Amino acid sequence: MINQHHCTEYITSKIAIKQGDPASIIFYVFFLNDIIKSINTDNVYVLSLGQTKLFMLLFADDAAVFAYSPESLQNILNQIQDYCCIWCLKFNTNKTKNIILNVADTHHMTFTLMVRKLK
């Protein structure tokens, strides 16, 4: 943690927070803002409203990531994966799904996160 330009000592923990534990939302919010800031949307094709780029919707402890092209979506997923690798975070890729809207040929599109193919 950084506090007034000083880093605290690194802490290693083998204990995870259980699904549904009230503390999970605290950690979710703690990392969420940093994940969003770490994503560079300069080279990806995402929805824009004026100067605001929209690439993620959030509700409670769920997130939806979206982009106009498969390449842009994979680019964002790669950036999320990189962030998670740096901070030793894991995604439950079994609960991570993708939905493709308004695309003629969806048979050849595959997306990966945490080195796993998403359904």
PDB file of N, CA and C in Angstrom:
ATOM      1  N   MET A   1       0.825  -1.157   0.000  1.00  0.00           N
ATOM      2  CA  MET A   1       0.000   0.000   0.000  1.00  0.00           C
ATOM      3  C   MET A   1       0.887   1.243   0.000  1.00  0.00           C
ATOM      4  N   ILE A   2       0.456   2.275  -0.693  1.00  0.00           N
ATOM      5  CA  ILE A   2       1.204   3.520  -0.704  1.00  0.00           C
ATOM      6  C   ILE A   2       0.463   4.527   0.158  1.00  0.00           C
ATOM      7  N   ASN A   3       1.181   5.095   1.123  1.00  0.00           N
ATOM      8  CA  ASN A   3       0.600   6.064   2.032  1.00  0.00           C
ATOM      9  C   ASN A   3       1.549   7.253   2.109  1.00  0.00           C
ATOM     10  N   GLN A   4       1.114   8.384   1.599  1.00  0.00           N
ATOM     11  CA  GLN A   4       1.925   9.595   1.574  1.00  0.00           C
ATOM     12  C   GLN A   4       3.306   9.339   0.975  1.00  0.00           C
ATOM     13  N   HIS A   5       3.329   8.701  -0.185  1.00  0.00           N
ATOM     14  CA  HIS A   5       4.531   8.420  -0.970  1.00  0.00           C
ATOM     15  C   HIS A   5       5.465   7.390  -0.328  1.00  0.00           C
ATOM     16  N   HIS A   6       5.008   6.634   0.660  1.00  0.00           N
ATOM     17  CA  HIS A   6       5.795   5.564   1.270  1.00  0.00           C
ATOM     18  C   HIS A   6       5.060   4.246   1.093  1.00  0.00           C
ATOM     19  N   CYS A   7       5.801   3.216   0.709  1.00  0.00           N
ATOM     20  CA  CYS A   7       5.200   1.896   0.519  1.00  0.00           C
ATOM     21  C   CYS A   7       5.308   1.089   1.805  1.00  0.00           C
ATOM     22  N   THR A   8       4.222   0.395   2.113  1.00  0.00           N
ATOM     23  CA  THR A   8       4.261  -0.514   3.258  1.00  0.00           C
ATOM     24  C   THR A   8       4.970  -1.789   2.829  1.00  0.00           C
ATOM     25  N   GLU A   9       5.278  -2.641   3.790  1.00  0.00           N
ATOM     26  CA  GLU A   9       5.911  -3.913   3.469  1.00  0.00           C
ATOM     27  C   GLU A   9       4.928  -4.801   2.729  1.00  0.00           C
ATOM     28  N   TYR A  10       5.453  -5.671   1.864  1.00  0.00           N
ATOM     29  CA  TYR A  10       4.645  -6.599   1.097  1.00  0.00           C
ATOM     30  C   TYR A  10       4.088  -7.676   2.032  1.00  0.00           C
ATOM     31  N   ILE A  11       2.824  -8.003   1.866  1.00  0.00           N
ATOM     32  CA  ILE A  11       2.174  -9.009   2.705  1.00  0.00           C
ATOM     33  C   ILE A  11       1.735 -10.162   1.815  1.00  0.00           C
ATOM     34  N   THR A  12       2.093 -11.371   2.183  1.00  0.00           N
ATOM     35  CA  THR A  12       1.666 -12.567   1.465  1.00  0.00           C
ATOM     36  C   THR A  12       0.615 -13.284   2.301  1.00  0.00           C
ATOM     37  N   SER A  13      -0.464 -13.665   1.640  1.00  0.00           N
ATOM     38  CA  SER A  13      -1.532 -14.374   2.336  1.00  0.00           C
ATOM     39  C   SER A  13      -1.993 -15.541   1.493  1.00  0.00           C
ATOM     40  N   LYS A  14      -2.153 -16.696   2.109  1.00  0.00           N
ATOM     41  CA  LYS A  14      -2.648 -17.886   1.421  1.00  0.00           C
ATOM     42  C   LYS A  14      -4.143 -18.060   1.664  1.00  0.00           C
ATOM     43  N   ILE A  15      -4.756 -17.117   2.351  1.00  0.00           N
ATOM     44  CA  ILE A  15      -6.163 -17.200   2.696  1.00  0.00           C
ATOM     45  C   ILE A  15      -6.962 -16.373   1.704  1.00  0.00           C
ATOM     46  N   ALA A  16      -8.032 -16.938   1.181  1.00  0.00           N
ATOM     47  CA  ALA A  16      -8.898 -16.224   0.248  1.00  0.00           C
ATOM     48  C   ALA A  16     -10.194 -15.831   0.953  1.00  0.00           C
ATOM     49  N   ILE A  17     -10.893 -14.896   0.362  1.00  0.00           N
ATOM     50  CA  ILE A  17     -12.196 -14.491   0.890  1.00  0.00           C
ATOM     51  C   ILE A  17     -13.252 -15.368   0.243  1.00  0.00           C
ATOM     52  N   LYS A  18     -14.137 -15.915   1.045  1.00  0.00           N
ATOM     53  CA  LYS A  18     -15.177 -16.804   0.535  1.00  0.00           C
ATOM     54  C   LYS A  18     -16.227 -16.023  -0.243  1.00  0.00           C
ATOM     55  N   GLN A  19     -16.837 -16.706  -1.223  1.00  0.00           N
ATOM     56  CA  GLN A  19     -17.934 -16.126  -1.999  1.00  0.00           C
ATOM     57  C   GLN A  19     -19.037 -15.683  -1.048  1.00  0.00           C
ATOM     58  N   GLY A  20     -19.507 -14.458  -1.207  1.00  0.00           N
ATOM     59  CA  GLY A  20     -20.594 -13.949  -0.386  1.00  0.00           C
ATOM     60  C   GLY A  20     -20.161 -13.305   0.915  1.00  0.00           C
ATOM     61  N   ASP A  21     -18.894 -13.393   1.255  1.00  0.00           N
ATOM     62  CA  ASP A  21     -18.401 -12.768   2.488  1.00  0.00           C
ATOM     63  C   ASP A  21     -18.524 -11.250   2.346  1.00  0.00           C
ATOM     64  N   PRO A  22     -19.015 -10.558   3.373  1.00  0.00           N
ATOM     65  CA  PRO A  22     -19.148  -9.094   3.279  1.00  0.00           C
ATOM     66  C   PRO A  22     -17.832  -8.379   2.975  1.00  0.00           C
ATOM     67  N   ALA A  23     -16.718  -8.967   3.333  1.00  0.00           N
ATOM     68  CA  ALA A  23     -15.423  -8.333   3.055  1.00  0.00           C
ATOM     69  C   ALA A  23     -15.075  -8.370   1.572  1.00  0.00           C
ATOM     70  N   SER A  24     -15.695  -9.277   0.804  1.00  0.00           N
ATOM     71  CA  SER A  24     -15.334  -9.394  -0.607  1.00  0.00           C
ATOM     72  C   SER A  24     -15.645  -8.115  -1.376  1.00  0.00           C
ATOM     73  N   ILE A  25     -16.741  -7.460  -1.067  1.00  0.00           N
ATOM     74  CA  ILE A  25     -17.088  -6.229  -1.782  1.00  0.00           C
ATOM     75  C   ILE A  25     -16.100  -5.110  -1.453  1.00  0.00           C
ATOM     76  N   ILE A  26     -15.556  -5.113  -0.253  1.00  0.00           N
ATOM     77  CA  ILE A  26     -14.556  -4.098   0.117  1.00  0.00           C
ATOM     78  C   ILE A  26     -13.300  -4.268  -0.732  1.00  0.00           C
ATOM     79  N   PHE A  27     -12.851  -5.514  -0.877  1.00  0.00           N
ATOM     80  CA  PHE A  27     -11.666  -5.760  -1.698  1.00  0.00           C
ATOM     81  C   PHE A  27     -11.962  -5.512  -3.172  1.00  0.00           C
ATOM     82  N   TYR A  28     -13.159  -5.841  -3.607  1.00  0.00           N
ATOM     83  CA  TYR A  28     -13.559  -5.600  -4.989  1.00  0.00           C
ATOM     84  C   TYR A  28     -13.454  -4.105  -5.302  1.00  0.00           C
ATOM     85  N   VAL A  29     -14.033  -3.277  -4.461  1.00  0.00           N
ATOM     86  CA  VAL A  29     -13.989  -1.827  -4.667  1.00  0.00           C
ATOM     87  C   VAL A  29     -12.552  -1.314  -4.555  1.00  0.00           C
ATOM     88  N   PHE A  30     -11.798  -1.882  -3.636  1.00  0.00           N
ATOM     89  CA  PHE A  30     -10.413  -1.478  -3.415  1.00  0.00           C
ATOM     90  C   PHE A  30      -9.585  -1.612  -4.695  1.00  0.00           C
ATOM     91  N   PHE A  31      -9.732  -2.726  -5.404  1.00  0.00           N
ATOM     92  CA  PHE A  31      -8.943  -2.966  -6.614  1.00  0.00           C
ATOM     93  C   PHE A  31      -9.614  -2.439  -7.870  1.00  0.00           C
ATOM     94  N   LEU A  32     -10.928  -2.329  -7.875  1.00  0.00           N
ATOM     95  CA  LEU A  32     -11.657  -1.975  -9.083  1.00  0.00           C
ATOM     96  C   LEU A  32     -11.234  -0.641  -9.672  1.00  0.00           C
ATOM     97  N   ASN A  33     -11.149   0.374  -8.859  1.00  0.00           N
ATOM     98  CA  ASN A  33     -10.761   1.689  -9.355  1.00  0.00           C
ATOM     99  C   ASN A  33      -9.379   1.646  -9.997  1.00  0.00           C
ATOM    100  N   ASP A  34      -8.469   0.917  -9.393  1.00  0.00           N
ATOM    101  CA  ASP A  34      -7.113   0.807  -9.926  1.00  0.00           C
ATOM    102  C   ASP A  34      -7.094   0.028 -11.240  1.00  0.00           C
ATOM    103  N   ILE A  35      -7.903  -1.018 -11.352  1.00  0.00           N
ATOM    104  CA  ILE A  35      -7.974  -1.786 -12.602  1.00  0.00           C
ATOM    105  C   ILE A  35      -8.451  -0.880 -13.735  1.00  0.00           C
ATOM    106  N   ILE A  36      -9.513  -0.113 -13.475  1.00  0.00           N
ATOM    107  CA  ILE A  36     -10.058   0.769 -14.506  1.00  0.00           C
ATOM    108  C   ILE A  36      -9.012   1.789 -14.950  1.00  0.00           C
ATOM    109  N   LYS A  37      -8.291   2.373 -13.991  1.00  0.00           N
ATOM    110  CA  LYS A  37      -7.256   3.354 -14.332  1.00  0.00           C
ATOM    111  C   LYS A  37      -6.112   2.733 -15.127  1.00  0.00           C
ATOM    112  N   SER A  38      -5.870   1.438 -14.938  1.00  0.00           N
ATOM    113  CA  SER A  38      -4.735   0.794 -15.605  1.00  0.00           C
ATOM    114  C   SER A  38      -5.020   0.445 -17.064  1.00  0.00           C
ATOM    115  N   ILE A  39      -6.275   0.480 -17.474  1.00  0.00           N
ATOM    116  CA  ILE A  39      -6.625   0.100 -18.844  1.00  0.00           C
ATOM    117  C   ILE A  39      -6.423   1.297 -19.777  1.00  0.00           C
ATOM    118  N   ASN A  40      -5.598   1.080 -20.788  1.00  0.00           N
ATOM    119  CA  ASN A  40      -5.312   2.112 -21.786  1.00  0.00           C
ATOM    120  C   ASN A  40      -6.250   1.896 -22.973  1.00  0.00           C
ATOM    121  N   THR A  41      -7.189   2.821 -23.161  1.00  0.00           N
ATOM    122  CA  THR A  41      -8.143   2.699 -24.266  1.00  0.00           C
ATOM    123  C   THR A  41      -7.745   3.539 -25.476  1.00  0.00           C
ATOM    124  N   ASP A  42      -6.535   4.058 -25.493  1.00  0.00           N
ATOM    125  CA  ASP A  42      -6.102   4.903 -26.614  1.00  0.00           C
ATOM    126  C   ASP A  42      -6.070   4.138 -27.936  1.00  0.00           C
ATOM    127  N   ASN A  43      -5.708   2.858 -27.902  1.00  0.00           N
ATOM    128  CA  ASN A  43      -5.542   2.089 -29.133  1.00  0.00           C
ATOM    129  C   ASN A  43      -6.612   1.027 -29.325  1.00  0.00           C
ATOM    130  N   VAL A  44      -7.735   1.183 -28.632  1.00  0.00           N
ATOM    131  CA  VAL A  44      -8.826   0.223 -28.793  1.00  0.00           C
ATOM    132  C   VAL A  44     -10.081   0.961 -29.214  1.00  0.00           C
ATOM    133  N   TYR A  45     -10.946   0.256 -29.927  1.00  0.00           N
ATOM    134  CA  TYR A  45     -12.153   0.846 -30.477  1.00  0.00           C
ATOM    135  C   TYR A  45     -13.300   0.602 -29.505  1.00  0.00           C
ATOM    136  N   VAL A  46     -13.595   1.592 -28.646  1.00  0.00           N
ATOM    137  CA  VAL A  46     -14.649   1.478 -27.643  1.00  0.00           C
ATOM    138  C   VAL A  46     -15.669   2.599 -27.839  1.00  0.00           C
ATOM    139  N   LEU A  47     -16.794   2.450 -27.182  1.00  0.00           N
ATOM    140  CA  LEU A  47     -17.860   3.447 -27.252  1.00  0.00           C
ATOM    141  C   LEU A  47     -17.410   4.759 -26.627  1.00  0.00           C
ATOM    142  N   SER A  48     -17.689   5.867 -27.302  1.00  0.00           N
ATOM    143  CA  SER A  48     -17.330   7.184 -26.778  1.00  0.00           C
ATOM    144  C   SER A  48     -18.570   8.060 -26.696  1.00  0.00           C
ATOM    145  N   LEU A  49     -18.665   8.779 -25.604  1.00  0.00           N
ATOM    146  CA  LEU A  49     -19.680   9.809 -25.428  1.00  0.00           C
ATOM    147  C   LEU A  49     -18.940  11.100 -25.137  1.00  0.00           C
ATOM    148  N   GLY A  50     -18.782  11.917 -26.163  1.00  0.00           N
ATOM    149  CA  GLY A  50     -17.952  13.103 -26.017  1.00  0.00           C
ATOM    150  C   GLY A  50     -16.513  12.680 -25.781  1.00  0.00           C
ATOM    151  N   GLN A  51     -15.914  13.166 -24.709  1.00  0.00           N
ATOM    152  CA  GLN A  51     -14.536  12.811 -24.357  1.00  0.00           C
ATOM    153  C   GLN A  51     -14.449  11.572 -23.464  1.00  0.00           C
ATOM    154  N   THR A  52     -15.604  11.036 -23.068  1.00  0.00           N
ATOM    155  CA  THR A  52     -15.638   9.886 -22.164  1.00  0.00           C
ATOM    156  C   THR A  52     -15.665   8.589 -22.957  1.00  0.00           C
ATOM    157  N   LYS A  53     -14.738   7.690 -22.659  1.00  0.00           N
ATOM    158  CA  LYS A  53     -14.704   6.375 -23.296  1.00  0.00           C
ATOM    159  C   LYS A  53     -15.353   5.363 -22.358  1.00  0.00           C
ATOM    160  N   LEU A  54     -16.304   4.613 -22.895  1.00  0.00           N
ATOM    161  CA  LEU A  54     -17.003   3.602 -22.111  1.00  0.00           C
ATOM    162  C   LEU A  54     -16.559   2.214 -22.556  1.00  0.00           C
ATOM    163  N   PHE A  55     -16.028   1.443 -21.632  1.00  0.00           N
ATOM    164  CA  PHE A  55     -15.577   0.095 -21.952  1.00  0.00           C
ATOM    165  C   PHE A  55     -15.950  -0.900 -20.858  1.00  0.00           C
ATOM    166  N   MET A  56     -16.577  -0.412 -19.770  1.00  0.00           N
ATOM    167  CA  MET A  56     -16.905  -1.312 -18.675  1.00  0.00           C
ATOM    168  C   MET A  56     -18.142  -0.791 -17.941  1.00  0.00           C
ATOM    169  N   LEU A  57     -19.051  -1.712 -17.633  1.00  0.00           N
ATOM    170  CA  LEU A  57     -20.204  -1.411 -16.789  1.00  0.00           C
ATOM    171  C   LEU A  57     -20.061  -2.221 -15.514  1.00  0.00           C
ATOM    172  N   LEU A  58     -20.417  -1.615 -14.388  1.00  0.00           N
ATOM    173  CA  LEU A  58     -20.254  -2.262 -13.091  1.00  0.00           C
ATOM    174  C   LEU A  58     -21.569  -2.273 -12.336  1.00  0.00           C
ATOM    175  N   PHE A  59     -21.835  -3.384 -11.658  1.00  0.00           N
ATOM    176  CA  PHE A  59     -22.992  -3.479 -10.787  1.00  0.00           C
ATOM    177  C   PHE A  59     -22.643  -4.445  -9.656  1.00  0.00           C
ATOM    178  N   ALA A  60     -22.710  -3.930  -8.429  1.00  0.00           N
ATOM    179  CA  ALA A  60     -22.344  -4.723  -7.240  1.00  0.00           C
ATOM    180  C   ALA A  60     -20.939  -5.289  -7.452  1.00  0.00           C
ATOM    181  N   ASP A  61     -20.792  -6.625  -7.463  1.00  0.00           N
ATOM    182  CA  ASP A  61     -19.460  -7.195  -7.669  1.00  0.00           C
ATOM    183  C   ASP A  61     -19.327  -7.841  -9.051  1.00  0.00           C
ATOM    184  N   ASP A  62     -20.125  -7.378  -9.999  1.00  0.00           N
ATOM    185  CA  ASP A  62     -20.055  -7.868 -11.378  1.00  0.00           C
ATOM    186  C   ASP A  62     -19.555  -6.760 -12.287  1.00  0.00           C
ATOM    187  N   ALA A  63     -18.925  -7.157 -13.370  1.00  0.00           N
ATOM    188  CA  ALA A  63     -18.434  -6.197 -14.353  1.00  0.00           C
ATOM    189  C   ALA A  63     -18.694  -6.740 -15.747  1.00  0.00           C
ATOM    190  N   ALA A  64     -19.026  -5.841 -16.663  1.00  0.00           N
ATOM    191  CA  ALA A  64     -19.181  -6.188 -18.075  1.00  0.00           C
ATOM    192  C   ALA A  64     -18.200  -5.328 -18.858  1.00  0.00           C
ATOM    193  N   VAL A  65     -17.369  -5.976 -19.654  1.00  0.00           N
ATOM    194  CA  VAL A  65     -16.377  -5.282 -20.476  1.00  0.00           C
ATOM    195  C   VAL A  65     -16.853  -5.373 -21.917  1.00  0.00           C
ATOM    196  N   PHE A  66     -16.769  -4.271 -22.656  1.00  0.00           N
ATOM    197  CA  PHE A  66     -17.239  -4.311 -24.031  1.00  0.00           C
ATOM    198  C   PHE A  66     -16.384  -3.432 -24.931  1.00  0.00           C
ATOM    199  N   ALA A  67     -16.435  -3.751 -26.241  1.00  0.00           N
ATOM    200  CA  ALA A  67     -15.704  -3.002 -27.259  1.00  0.00           C
ATOM    201  C   ALA A  67     -16.383  -3.252 -28.596  1.00  0.00           C
ATOM    202  N   TYR A  68     -16.053  -2.437 -29.578  1.00  0.00           N
ATOM    203  CA  TYR A  68     -16.648  -2.572 -30.907  1.00  0.00           C
ATOM    204  C   TYR A  68     -16.066  -3.737 -31.704  1.00  0.00           C
ATOM    205  N   SER A  69     -14.819  -4.076 -31.478  1.00  0.00           N
ATOM    206  CA  SER A  69     -14.194  -5.130 -32.277  1.00  0.00           C
ATOM    207  C   SER A  69     -13.667  -6.234 -31.368  1.00  0.00           C
ATOM    208  N   PRO A  70     -13.579  -7.450 -31.894  1.00  0.00           N
ATOM    209  CA  PRO A  70     -13.012  -8.550 -31.110  1.00  0.00           C
ATOM    210  C   PRO A  70     -11.576  -8.265 -30.667  1.00  0.00           C
ATOM    211  N   GLU A  71     -10.806  -7.624 -31.532  1.00  0.00           N
ATOM    212  CA  GLU A  71      -9.418  -7.300 -31.195  1.00  0.00           C
ATOM    213  C   GLU A  71      -9.354  -6.317 -30.027  1.00  0.00           C
ATOM    214  N   SER A  72     -10.231  -5.327 -30.034  1.00  0.00           N
ATOM    215  CA  SER A  72     -10.256  -4.350 -28.938  1.00  0.00           C
ATOM    216  C   SER A  72     -10.675  -5.003 -27.632  1.00  0.00           C
ATOM    217  N   LEU A  73     -11.670  -5.889 -27.693  1.00  0.00           N
ATOM    218  CA  LEU A  73     -12.104  -6.584 -26.484  1.00  0.00           C
ATOM    219  C   LEU A  73     -10.976  -7.443 -25.924  1.00  0.00           C
ATOM    220  N   GLN A  74     -10.289  -8.183 -26.785  1.00  0.00           N
ATOM    221  CA  GLN A  74      -9.191  -9.018 -26.316  1.00  0.00           C
ATOM    222  C   GLN A  74      -8.071  -8.167 -25.747  1.00  0.00           C
ATOM    223  N   ASN A  75      -7.829  -7.007 -26.348  1.00  0.00           N
ATOM    224  CA  ASN A  75      -6.809  -6.086 -25.837  1.00  0.00           C
ATOM    225  C   ASN A  75      -7.147  -5.656 -24.410  1.00  0.00           C
ATOM    226  N   ILE A  76      -8.403  -5.299 -24.155  1.00  0.00           N
ATOM    227  CA  ILE A  76      -8.818  -4.904 -22.809  1.00  0.00           C
ATOM    228  C   ILE A  76      -8.696  -6.085 -21.847  1.00  0.00           C
ATOM    229  N   LEU A  77      -9.126  -7.273 -22.274  1.00  0.00           N
ATOM    230  CA  LEU A  77      -9.000  -8.462 -21.421  1.00  0.00           C
ATOM    231  C   LEU A  77      -7.536  -8.744 -21.090  1.00  0.00           C
ATOM    232  N   ASN A  78      -6.650  -8.553 -22.066  1.00  0.00           N
ATOM    233  CA  ASN A  78      -5.217  -8.752 -21.818  1.00  0.00           C
ATOM    234  C   ASN A  78      -4.699  -7.770 -20.776  1.00  0.00           C
ATOM    235  N   GLN A  79      -5.165  -6.519 -20.842  1.00  0.00           N
ATOM    236  CA  GLN A  79      -4.728  -5.519 -19.869  1.00  0.00           C
ATOM    237  C   GLN A  79      -5.241  -5.857 -18.461  1.00  0.00           C
ATOM    238  N   ILE A  80      -6.465  -6.347 -18.387  1.00  0.00           N
ATOM    239  CA  ILE A  80      -7.007  -6.779 -17.096  1.00  0.00           C
ATOM    240  C   ILE A  80      -6.198  -7.951 -16.566  1.00  0.00           C
ATOM    241  N   GLN A  81      -5.870  -8.888 -17.442  1.00  0.00           N
ATOM    242  CA  GLN A  81      -5.056 -10.039 -17.037  1.00  0.00           C
ATOM    243  C   GLN A  81      -3.686  -9.593 -16.544  1.00  0.00           C
ATOM    244  N   ASP A  82      -3.055  -8.662 -17.241  1.00  0.00           N
ATOM    245  CA  ASP A  82      -1.745  -8.156 -16.819  1.00  0.00           C
ATOM    246  C   ASP A  82      -1.825  -7.535 -15.429  1.00  0.00           C
ATOM    247  N   TYR A  83      -2.857  -6.737 -15.193  1.00  0.00           N
ATOM    248  CA  TYR A  83      -3.046  -6.118 -13.878  1.00  0.00           C
ATOM    249  C   TYR A  83      -3.184  -7.207 -12.806  1.00  0.00           C
ATOM    250  N   CYS A  84      -3.997  -8.203 -13.091  1.00  0.00           N
ATOM    251  CA  CYS A  84      -4.228  -9.278 -12.115  1.00  0.00           C
ATOM    252  C   CYS A  84      -2.948 -10.075 -11.846  1.00  0.00           C
ATOM    253  N   CYS A  85      -2.143 -10.273 -12.859  1.00  0.00           N
ATOM    254  CA  CYS A  85      -0.871 -10.991 -12.656  1.00  0.00           C
ATOM    255  C   CYS A  85       0.069 -10.190 -11.767  1.00  0.00           C
ATOM    256  N   ILE A  86       0.120  -8.893 -11.971  1.00  0.00           N
ATOM    257  CA  ILE A  86       0.984  -8.041 -11.143  1.00  0.00           C
ATOM    258  C   ILE A  86       0.572  -8.113  -9.677  1.00  0.00           C
ATOM    259  N   TRP A  87      -0.739  -8.087  -9.399  1.00  0.00           N
ATOM    260  CA  TRP A  87      -1.257  -8.043  -8.030  1.00  0.00           C
ATOM    261  C   TRP A  87      -1.692  -9.417  -7.507  1.00  0.00           C
ATOM    262  N   CYS A  88      -1.352 -10.483  -8.242  1.00  0.00           N
ATOM    263  CA  CYS A  88      -1.670 -11.865  -7.829  1.00  0.00           C
ATOM    264  C   CYS A  88      -3.166 -12.056  -7.580  1.00  0.00           C
ATOM    265  N   LEU A  89      -3.978 -11.495  -8.453  1.00  0.00           N
ATOM    266  CA  LEU A  89      -5.427 -11.667  -8.385  1.00  0.00           C
ATOM    267  C   LEU A  89      -5.847 -12.733  -9.388  1.00  0.00           C
ATOM    268  N   LYS A  90      -6.946 -13.410  -9.107  1.00  0.00           N
ATOM    269  CA  LYS A  90      -7.439 -14.455 -10.000  1.00  0.00           C
ATOM    270  C   LYS A  90      -8.891 -14.190 -10.352  1.00  0.00           C
ATOM    271  N   PHE A  91      -9.256 -14.571 -11.562  1.00  0.00           N
ATOM    272  CA  PHE A  91     -10.634 -14.529 -12.017  1.00  0.00           C
ATOM    273  C   PHE A  91     -11.193 -15.933 -11.973  1.00  0.00           C
ATOM    274  N   ASN A  92     -12.465 -16.036 -11.668  1.00  0.00           N
ATOM    275  CA  ASN A  92     -13.141 -17.323 -11.811  1.00  0.00           C
ATOM    276  C   ASN A  92     -13.614 -17.385 -13.255  1.00  0.00           C
ATOM    277  N   THR A  93     -12.766 -17.920 -14.128  1.00  0.00           N
ATOM    278  CA  THR A  93     -13.092 -17.942 -15.552  1.00  0.00           C
ATOM    279  C   THR A  93     -14.243 -18.894 -15.858  1.00  0.00           C
ATOM    280  N   ASN A  94     -14.575 -19.786 -14.937  1.00  0.00           N
ATOM    281  CA  ASN A  94     -15.747 -20.647 -15.136  1.00  0.00           C
ATOM    282  C   ASN A  94     -17.036 -19.833 -15.091  1.00  0.00           C
ATOM    283  N   LYS A  95     -17.013 -18.697 -14.412  1.00  0.00           N
ATOM    284  CA  LYS A  95     -18.190 -17.836 -14.316  1.00  0.00           C
ATOM    285  C   LYS A  95     -18.108 -16.644 -15.263  1.00  0.00           C
ATOM    286  N   THR A  96     -17.053 -16.585 -16.085  1.00  0.00           N
ATOM    287  CA  THR A  96     -16.846 -15.478 -17.007  1.00  0.00           C
ATOM    288  C   THR A  96     -17.339 -15.891 -18.386  1.00  0.00           C
ATOM    289  N   LYS A  97     -18.257 -15.127 -18.928  1.00  0.00           N
ATOM    290  CA  LYS A  97     -18.869 -15.463 -20.223  1.00  0.00           C
ATOM    291  C   LYS A  97     -18.717 -14.296 -21.183  1.00  0.00           C
ATOM    292  N   ASN A  98     -18.890 -14.583 -22.472  1.00  0.00           N
ATOM    293  CA  ASN A  98     -18.911 -13.505 -23.447  1.00  0.00           C
ATOM    294  C   ASN A  98     -20.175 -13.600 -24.277  1.00  0.00           C
ATOM    295  N   ILE A  99     -20.655 -12.453 -24.687  1.00  0.00           N
ATOM    296  CA  ILE A  99     -21.823 -12.345 -25.550  1.00  0.00           C
ATOM    297  C   ILE A  99     -21.422 -11.459 -26.719  1.00  0.00           C
ATOM    298  N   ILE A 100     -21.694 -11.920 -27.919  1.00  0.00           N
ATOM    299  CA  ILE A 100     -21.357 -11.159 -29.117  1.00  0.00           C
ATOM    300  C   ILE A 100     -22.657 -10.662 -29.729  1.00  0.00           C
ATOM    301  N   LEU A 101     -22.763  -9.351 -29.901  1.00  0.00           N
ATOM    302  CA  LEU A 101     -23.961  -8.737 -30.462  1.00  0.00           C
ATOM    303  C   LEU A 101     -23.651  -8.082 -31.799  1.00  0.00           C
ATOM    304  N   ASN A 102     -24.554  -8.262 -32.764  1.00  0.00           N
ATOM    305  CA  ASN A 102     -24.491  -7.554 -34.037  1.00  0.00           C
ATOM    306  C   ASN A 102     -23.231  -7.862 -34.852  1.00  0.00           C
ATOM    307  N   VAL A 103     -22.856  -9.117 -34.873  1.00  0.00           N
ATOM    308  CA  VAL A 103     -21.709  -9.525 -35.680  1.00  0.00           C
ATOM    309  C   VAL A 103     -22.159 -10.676 -36.573  1.00  0.00           C
ATOM    310  N   ALA A 104     -21.874 -10.581 -37.861  1.00  0.00           N
ATOM    311  CA  ALA A 104     -22.344 -11.580 -38.817  1.00  0.00           C
ATOM    312  C   ALA A 104     -21.677 -12.940 -38.615  1.00  0.00           C
ATOM    313  N   ASP A 105     -20.368 -12.972 -38.447  1.00  0.00           N
ATOM    314  CA  ASP A 105     -19.644 -14.241 -38.333  1.00  0.00           C
ATOM    315  C   ASP A 105     -19.028 -14.353 -36.951  1.00  0.00           C
ATOM    316  N   THR A 106     -19.665 -15.089 -36.057  1.00  0.00           N
ATOM    317  CA  THR A 106     -19.170 -15.238 -34.693  1.00  0.00           C
ATOM    318  C   THR A 106     -18.475 -16.569 -34.463  1.00  0.00           C
ATOM    319  N   HIS A 107     -18.423 -17.419 -35.467  1.00  0.00           N
ATOM    320  CA  HIS A 107     -17.875 -18.768 -35.290  1.00  0.00           C
ATOM    321  C   HIS A 107     -16.380 -18.789 -35.018  1.00  0.00           C
ATOM    322  N   HIS A 108     -15.658 -17.794 -35.478  1.00  0.00           N
ATOM    323  CA  HIS A 108     -14.204 -17.805 -35.342  1.00  0.00           C
ATOM    324  C   HIS A 108     -13.701 -16.904 -34.223  1.00  0.00           C
ATOM    325  N   MET A 109     -14.604 -16.368 -33.422  1.00  0.00           N
ATOM    326  CA  MET A 109     -14.197 -15.458 -32.349  1.00  0.00           C
ATOM    327  C   MET A 109     -14.040 -16.220 -31.042  1.00  0.00           C
ATOM    328  N   THR A 110     -12.846 -16.139 -30.486  1.00  0.00           N
ATOM    329  CA  THR A 110     -12.614 -16.701 -29.163  1.00  0.00           C
ATOM    330  C   THR A 110     -11.878 -15.652 -28.344  1.00  0.00           C
ATOM    331  N   PHE A 111     -12.208 -15.616 -27.069  1.00  0.00           N
ATOM    332  CA  PHE A 111     -11.575 -14.666 -26.162  1.00  0.00           C
ATOM    333  C   PHE A 111     -10.950 -15.445 -25.019  1.00  0.00           C
ATOM    334  N   THR A 112      -9.826 -14.948 -24.518  1.00  0.00           N
ATOM    335  CA  THR A 112      -9.144 -15.613 -23.406  1.00  0.00           C
ATOM    336  C   THR A 112      -8.921 -14.641 -22.266  1.00  0.00           C
ATOM    337  N   LEU A 113      -8.910 -15.188 -21.071  1.00  0.00           N
ATOM    338  CA  LEU A 113      -8.611 -14.442 -19.861  1.00  0.00           C
ATOM    339  C   LEU A 113      -7.939 -15.404 -18.914  1.00  0.00           C
ATOM    340  N   MET A 114      -6.826 -14.994 -18.347  1.00  0.00           N
ATOM    341  CA  MET A 114      -6.060 -15.839 -17.438  1.00  0.00           C
ATOM    342  C   MET A 114      -5.696 -17.163 -18.128  1.00  0.00           C
ATOM    343  N   VAL A 115      -5.313 -17.079 -19.388  1.00  0.00           N
ATOM    344  CA  VAL A 115      -4.865 -18.194 -20.231  1.00  0.00           C
ATOM    345  C   VAL A 115      -5.959 -19.255 -20.407  1.00  0.00           C
ATOM    346  N   ARG A 116      -7.210 -18.864 -20.237  1.00  0.00           N
ATOM    347  CA  ARG A 116      -8.331 -19.792 -20.438  1.00  0.00           C
ATOM    348  C   ARG A 116      -9.289 -19.215 -21.471  1.00  0.00           C
ATOM    349  N   LYS A 117      -9.782 -20.068 -22.344  1.00  0.00           N
ATOM    350  CA  LYS A 117     -10.753 -19.675 -23.347  1.00  0.00           C
ATOM    351  C   LYS A 117     -12.095 -19.415 -22.658  1.00  0.00           C
ATOM    352  N   LEU A 118     -12.706 -18.276 -22.962  1.00  0.00           N
ATOM    353  CA  LEU A 118     -14.003 -17.928 -22.374  1.00  0.00           C
ATOM    354  C   LEU A 118     -15.134 -18.528 -23.202  1.00  0.00           C
ATOM    355  N   LYS A 119     -16.213 -18.882 -22.545  1.00  0.00           N
ATOM    356  CA  LYS A 119     -17.383 -19.454 -23.226  1.00  0.00           C
ATOM    357  C   LYS A 119     -18.250 -18.357 -23.772  1.00  0.00           C
TER     358      LYS A 119
END
